[in-house]
Protein backbone atom coordinates (compact mmCIF):
# COMPACT_ATOMS: atom_id res chain seq x y z
CA UNK A 1 12.42 -145.02 3.07
CA UNK A 2 12.71 -147.83 6.39
CA UNK A 3 9.72 -149.95 4.70
CA UNK A 4 10.08 -149.25 0.86
CA UNK A 5 9.92 -152.59 -1.28
CA UNK A 6 9.24 -154.84 2.23
CA UNK A 7 5.82 -156.23 1.16
CA UNK A 8 3.31 -153.62 2.25
CA UNK A 9 0.08 -154.21 2.30
CA UNK A 10 -2.00 -151.93 -0.63
CA UNK A 11 -5.96 -150.94 0.12
CA UNK A 12 -7.57 -149.65 -3.02
CA UNK A 13 -9.42 -147.46 -3.45
CA UNK A 14 -10.76 -147.39 -7.31
CA UNK A 15 -9.59 -149.96 -9.55
CA UNK A 16 -6.32 -149.47 -9.96
CA UNK A 17 -5.46 -146.72 -6.76
CA UNK A 18 -3.51 -147.76 -4.00
CA UNK A 19 -3.31 -146.40 -0.40
CA UNK A 20 -0.84 -147.99 2.03
CA UNK A 21 -0.11 -147.79 5.63
CA UNK A 22 2.68 -145.67 5.45
CA UNK A 23 0.68 -143.06 3.38
CA UNK A 24 -1.51 -142.52 6.28
CA UNK A 25 1.34 -143.03 9.10
CA UNK A 26 2.75 -139.54 7.31
CA UNK A 27 -0.02 -137.81 6.56
CA UNK A 28 -0.88 -138.10 10.78
CA UNK A 29 2.57 -137.36 10.78
CA UNK A 30 2.70 -133.82 8.67
CA UNK A 31 -0.61 -132.95 9.87
CA UNK A 32 -0.05 -133.05 13.49
CA UNK A 33 3.38 -131.67 13.53
CA UNK A 34 1.58 -128.43 11.32
CA UNK A 35 -1.52 -128.36 13.96
CA UNK A 36 0.81 -128.43 16.68
CA UNK A 37 2.06 -124.81 15.14
CA UNK A 38 -0.58 -123.86 12.99
CA UNK A 39 -3.48 -124.62 15.05
CA UNK A 40 -5.88 -121.92 13.66
CA UNK A 41 -5.09 -123.00 9.97
CA UNK A 42 -7.44 -125.34 7.95
CA UNK A 43 -6.00 -129.10 6.14
CA UNK A 44 -6.79 -131.30 2.56
CA UNK A 45 -4.79 -134.10 2.80
CA UNK A 46 -5.32 -136.72 0.40
CA UNK A 47 -6.24 -140.07 2.66
CA UNK A 48 -8.08 -138.89 5.56
CA UNK A 49 -8.05 -134.93 6.60
CA UNK A 50 -10.05 -132.55 5.65
CA UNK A 51 -10.59 -129.78 7.96
CA UNK A 52 -12.25 -126.96 6.11
CA UNK A 53 -13.67 -124.39 8.08
CA UNK A 54 -12.78 -121.38 6.38
CA UNK A 55 -10.25 -120.11 7.93
CA UNK A 56 -7.69 -117.63 5.97
CA UNK A 57 -4.99 -120.42 5.58
CA UNK A 58 -5.20 -124.08 4.64
CA UNK A 59 -1.99 -126.55 4.03
CA UNK A 60 -2.87 -128.57 0.92
CA UNK A 61 -1.23 -132.33 1.47
CA UNK A 62 -0.18 -135.75 -0.29
CA UNK A 63 1.63 -137.72 1.61
CA UNK A 64 2.89 -140.18 -0.85
CA UNK A 65 2.37 -138.61 -4.54
CA UNK A 66 3.74 -141.77 -6.65
CA UNK A 67 2.17 -144.51 -4.08
CA UNK A 68 2.24 -147.09 -6.96
CA UNK A 69 5.84 -146.60 -7.46
CA UNK A 70 6.10 -146.91 -3.49
CA UNK A 71 4.25 -149.86 -3.27
CA UNK A 72 6.34 -151.48 -5.59
CA UNK A 73 9.54 -150.63 -4.93
CA UNK A 74 10.15 -148.52 -6.99
CA UNK A 75 11.68 -145.28 -6.08
CA UNK A 76 10.04 -142.30 -7.86
CA UNK A 77 7.96 -140.86 -5.17
CA UNK A 78 7.06 -138.25 -3.33
CA UNK A 79 5.73 -136.18 -0.17
CA UNK A 80 3.90 -132.40 -1.76
CA UNK A 81 2.96 -129.90 0.48
CA UNK A 82 1.57 -126.74 -0.21
CA UNK A 83 0.16 -124.00 2.08
CA UNK A 84 -2.46 -121.40 0.66
CA UNK A 85 -3.72 -117.99 2.00
CA UNK A 86 -7.16 -117.44 0.83
CA UNK A 87 -7.08 -120.23 -2.22
CA UNK A 88 -3.92 -119.38 -3.73
CA UNK A 89 -0.59 -120.99 -3.14
CA UNK A 90 1.92 -119.12 -1.13
CA UNK A 91 4.19 -121.97 -0.31
CA UNK A 92 5.31 -125.84 -1.46
CA UNK A 93 7.55 -127.84 -0.89
CA UNK A 94 8.00 -131.60 -2.57
CA UNK A 95 10.70 -133.90 -1.16
CA UNK A 96 11.90 -137.09 -2.96
CA UNK A 97 13.23 -139.05 -0.20
CA UNK A 98 15.04 -141.66 -2.35
CA UNK A 99 17.18 -138.80 -3.53
CA UNK A 100 17.01 -136.66 -1.08
CA UNK A 101 16.18 -133.55 -3.29
CA UNK A 102 14.20 -131.11 -1.17
CA UNK A 103 12.56 -128.33 -3.78
CA UNK A 104 11.32 -125.60 -2.10
CA UNK A 105 8.92 -121.97 -3.52
CA UNK A 106 7.21 -118.71 -2.13
CA UNK A 107 5.40 -116.64 -3.94
CA UNK A 108 7.23 -114.26 -5.54
CA UNK A 109 10.62 -115.91 -3.72
CA UNK A 110 11.27 -118.49 -6.63
CA UNK A 111 11.64 -122.00 -6.67
CA UNK A 112 15.18 -123.64 -5.07
CA UNK A 113 15.92 -126.99 -4.79
CA UNK A 114 18.71 -127.08 -1.92
CA UNK A 115 20.77 -123.65 -1.89
CA UNK A 116 20.03 -123.60 -6.21
CA UNK A 117 17.51 -120.87 -7.67
CA UNK A 118 15.47 -123.42 -10.56
CA UNK A 119 14.80 -121.61 -13.91
CA UNK A 120 12.19 -123.74 -16.00
CA UNK A 121 14.03 -124.56 -19.54
CA UNK A 122 14.32 -122.39 -22.52
CA UNK A 123 16.23 -124.55 -24.48
CA UNK A 124 12.88 -126.33 -26.05
CA UNK A 125 11.52 -123.79 -28.51
CA UNK A 126 9.43 -125.98 -30.63
CA UNK A 127 7.42 -129.09 -30.17
CA UNK A 128 10.13 -131.46 -31.73
CA UNK A 129 12.94 -130.44 -29.44
CA UNK A 130 10.61 -131.20 -26.48
CA UNK A 131 11.63 -133.60 -23.95
CA UNK A 132 8.45 -134.30 -21.96
CA UNK A 133 6.69 -135.94 -19.02
CA UNK A 134 3.19 -136.97 -18.88
CA UNK A 135 1.13 -139.12 -16.83
CA UNK A 136 -1.85 -141.62 -16.80
CA UNK A 137 -5.17 -141.11 -14.88
CA UNK A 138 -5.95 -143.76 -12.24
CA UNK A 139 -10.05 -143.75 -13.96
CA UNK A 140 -8.46 -145.57 -17.05
CA UNK A 141 -11.27 -147.76 -16.86
CA UNK A 142 -13.41 -146.05 -17.53
CA UNK A 143 -14.97 -145.85 -21.14
CA UNK A 144 -13.03 -143.40 -23.61
CA UNK A 145 -10.27 -142.23 -20.84
CA UNK A 146 -8.29 -145.01 -22.48
CA UNK A 147 -8.78 -144.22 -25.80
CA UNK A 148 -8.03 -140.37 -25.42
CA UNK A 149 -5.28 -140.63 -23.16
CA UNK A 150 -3.16 -143.07 -25.73
CA UNK A 151 -4.70 -141.14 -28.47
CA UNK A 152 -2.76 -138.02 -27.07
CA UNK A 153 -0.03 -139.50 -26.00
CA UNK A 154 0.88 -140.74 -29.39
CA UNK A 155 0.49 -137.40 -31.08
CA UNK A 156 3.63 -136.43 -28.86
CA UNK A 157 5.33 -138.63 -28.41
CA UNK A 158 5.52 -138.66 -32.33
CA UNK A 159 5.91 -135.08 -32.22
CA UNK A 160 8.31 -134.51 -29.68
CA UNK A 161 12.30 -135.72 -29.20
CA UNK A 162 10.80 -137.90 -26.26
CA UNK A 163 8.14 -138.61 -23.64
CA UNK A 164 8.97 -140.21 -20.49
CA UNK A 165 6.44 -141.69 -18.09
CA UNK A 166 7.29 -141.76 -14.00
CA UNK A 167 3.99 -141.90 -11.92
CA UNK A 168 4.24 -138.76 -9.83
CA UNK A 169 2.80 -135.59 -11.34
CA UNK A 170 4.58 -133.76 -7.92
CA UNK A 171 8.62 -134.68 -9.57
CA UNK A 172 7.06 -134.28 -12.94
CA UNK A 173 6.46 -130.47 -11.80
CA UNK A 174 9.36 -129.77 -9.53
CA UNK A 175 11.27 -131.45 -12.56
CA UNK A 176 9.61 -128.93 -15.19
CA UNK A 177 10.90 -126.38 -12.73
CA UNK A 178 13.84 -127.20 -12.63
CA UNK A 179 14.73 -127.33 -16.28
CA UNK A 180 14.95 -130.89 -16.68
CA UNK A 181 11.88 -131.82 -18.36
CA UNK A 182 10.76 -129.09 -21.17
CA UNK A 183 7.17 -129.93 -20.76
CA UNK A 184 3.95 -132.11 -18.76
CA UNK A 185 0.28 -132.87 -19.29
CA UNK A 186 -1.89 -135.22 -17.38
CA UNK A 187 -5.64 -135.14 -16.52
CA UNK A 188 -7.83 -135.73 -13.50
CA UNK A 189 -5.27 -134.81 -11.01
CA UNK A 190 -6.02 -133.69 -7.42
CA UNK A 191 -6.22 -130.79 -5.89
CA UNK A 192 -2.87 -132.26 -3.76
CA UNK A 193 -0.85 -133.34 -6.71
CA UNK A 194 -0.66 -129.54 -8.60
CA UNK A 195 -0.80 -126.96 -5.09
CA UNK A 196 3.30 -126.79 -4.82
CA UNK A 197 4.52 -127.83 -8.19
CA UNK A 198 2.21 -125.60 -9.84
CA UNK A 199 3.74 -122.84 -8.26
CA UNK A 200 6.66 -124.06 -8.26
CA UNK A 201 6.76 -123.80 -12.11
CA UNK A 202 5.41 -120.33 -12.33
CA UNK A 203 7.92 -119.09 -9.73
CA UNK A 204 11.09 -121.13 -11.85
CA UNK A 205 9.72 -118.99 -15.43
CA UNK A 206 7.57 -121.45 -16.28
CA UNK A 207 3.62 -121.79 -17.39
CA UNK A 208 0.99 -123.76 -16.17
CA UNK A 209 -2.94 -124.21 -17.89
CA UNK A 210 -5.14 -126.58 -18.08
CA UNK A 211 -5.42 -127.92 -21.80
CA UNK A 212 -7.51 -125.47 -23.80
CA UNK A 213 -4.72 -122.51 -22.71
CA UNK A 214 -6.94 -121.61 -19.87
CA UNK A 215 -5.75 -120.15 -16.24
CA UNK A 216 -4.48 -123.69 -14.19
CA UNK A 217 -6.67 -123.79 -10.29
CA UNK A 218 -5.47 -127.49 -8.66
CA UNK A 219 -9.05 -127.57 -7.23
CA UNK A 220 -11.11 -127.05 -10.24
CA UNK A 221 -9.04 -127.24 -13.34
CA UNK A 222 -9.24 -130.74 -15.17
CA UNK A 223 -5.84 -131.13 -16.83
CA UNK A 224 -2.66 -129.46 -16.06
CA UNK A 225 0.00 -128.75 -18.89
CA UNK A 226 3.11 -126.98 -18.08
CA UNK A 227 6.20 -125.89 -19.72
CA UNK A 228 9.57 -124.01 -20.02
CA UNK A 229 8.70 -121.12 -22.06
CA UNK A 230 5.26 -119.66 -24.06
CA UNK A 231 6.27 -120.98 -27.70
CA UNK A 232 6.22 -124.11 -27.09
CA UNK A 233 3.15 -123.92 -24.52
CA UNK A 234 0.98 -122.94 -27.60
CA UNK A 235 2.15 -125.69 -29.40
CA UNK A 236 1.62 -128.12 -26.96
CA UNK A 237 -1.85 -126.76 -26.41
CA UNK A 238 -2.64 -127.24 -30.25
CA UNK A 239 -1.31 -130.83 -30.36
CA UNK A 240 -3.42 -131.86 -27.23
CA UNK A 241 -7.00 -130.11 -28.93
CA UNK A 242 -5.84 -132.03 -31.84
CA UNK A 243 -5.78 -135.52 -30.10
CA UNK A 244 -8.66 -134.81 -28.58
CA UNK A 245 -11.38 -137.82 -28.91
């Protein structure tokens, strides 16, 4: 927060995929601290850390999810941390520094915002009542990607109550778990973007799949769809399927 909106130097990993020194510093801080406590654990983090020795436990870390927002002083970004045991998330934390919100989750223990247990929304049981959130991938300039995403956006914007786009997939998933949004969809996300948030939605009573309704795996799925109830989830799958190019 000390460096928010201070004219940070920005490097690019792709045409529109930025990274800042704060991303790297936060990652080092987290990895070094966790390694001191758990020296026999593996790590998978976005910027630099790939310690994959096939151990039972692995930490999956996104030091700043929403770097574009952060680098431009827009206060919507998170730190996302998941702990996996034998490839399955068992614990997660999503922290929004600008608001001070600390979302936490444990497998079988529920999802929480501070002392409040989270419950995904059952408010919208049809697509036309739903309040949705989405994101656009960093590979938008590749042939066909922009058109595909705009077609989905147009379809769901016209079919729903409203659609928002705020630039942090981890925060979007946390907000679905909290019942703020009825649903979220995005393609081409990375393992560290969704590992904590997907567990959070499930533990809050929501559903997570890929766009075709198949089981979601943060490590392998090419798309993520999260919602608060089964009826809405089916309608979203149908709408996304109809919007393919």
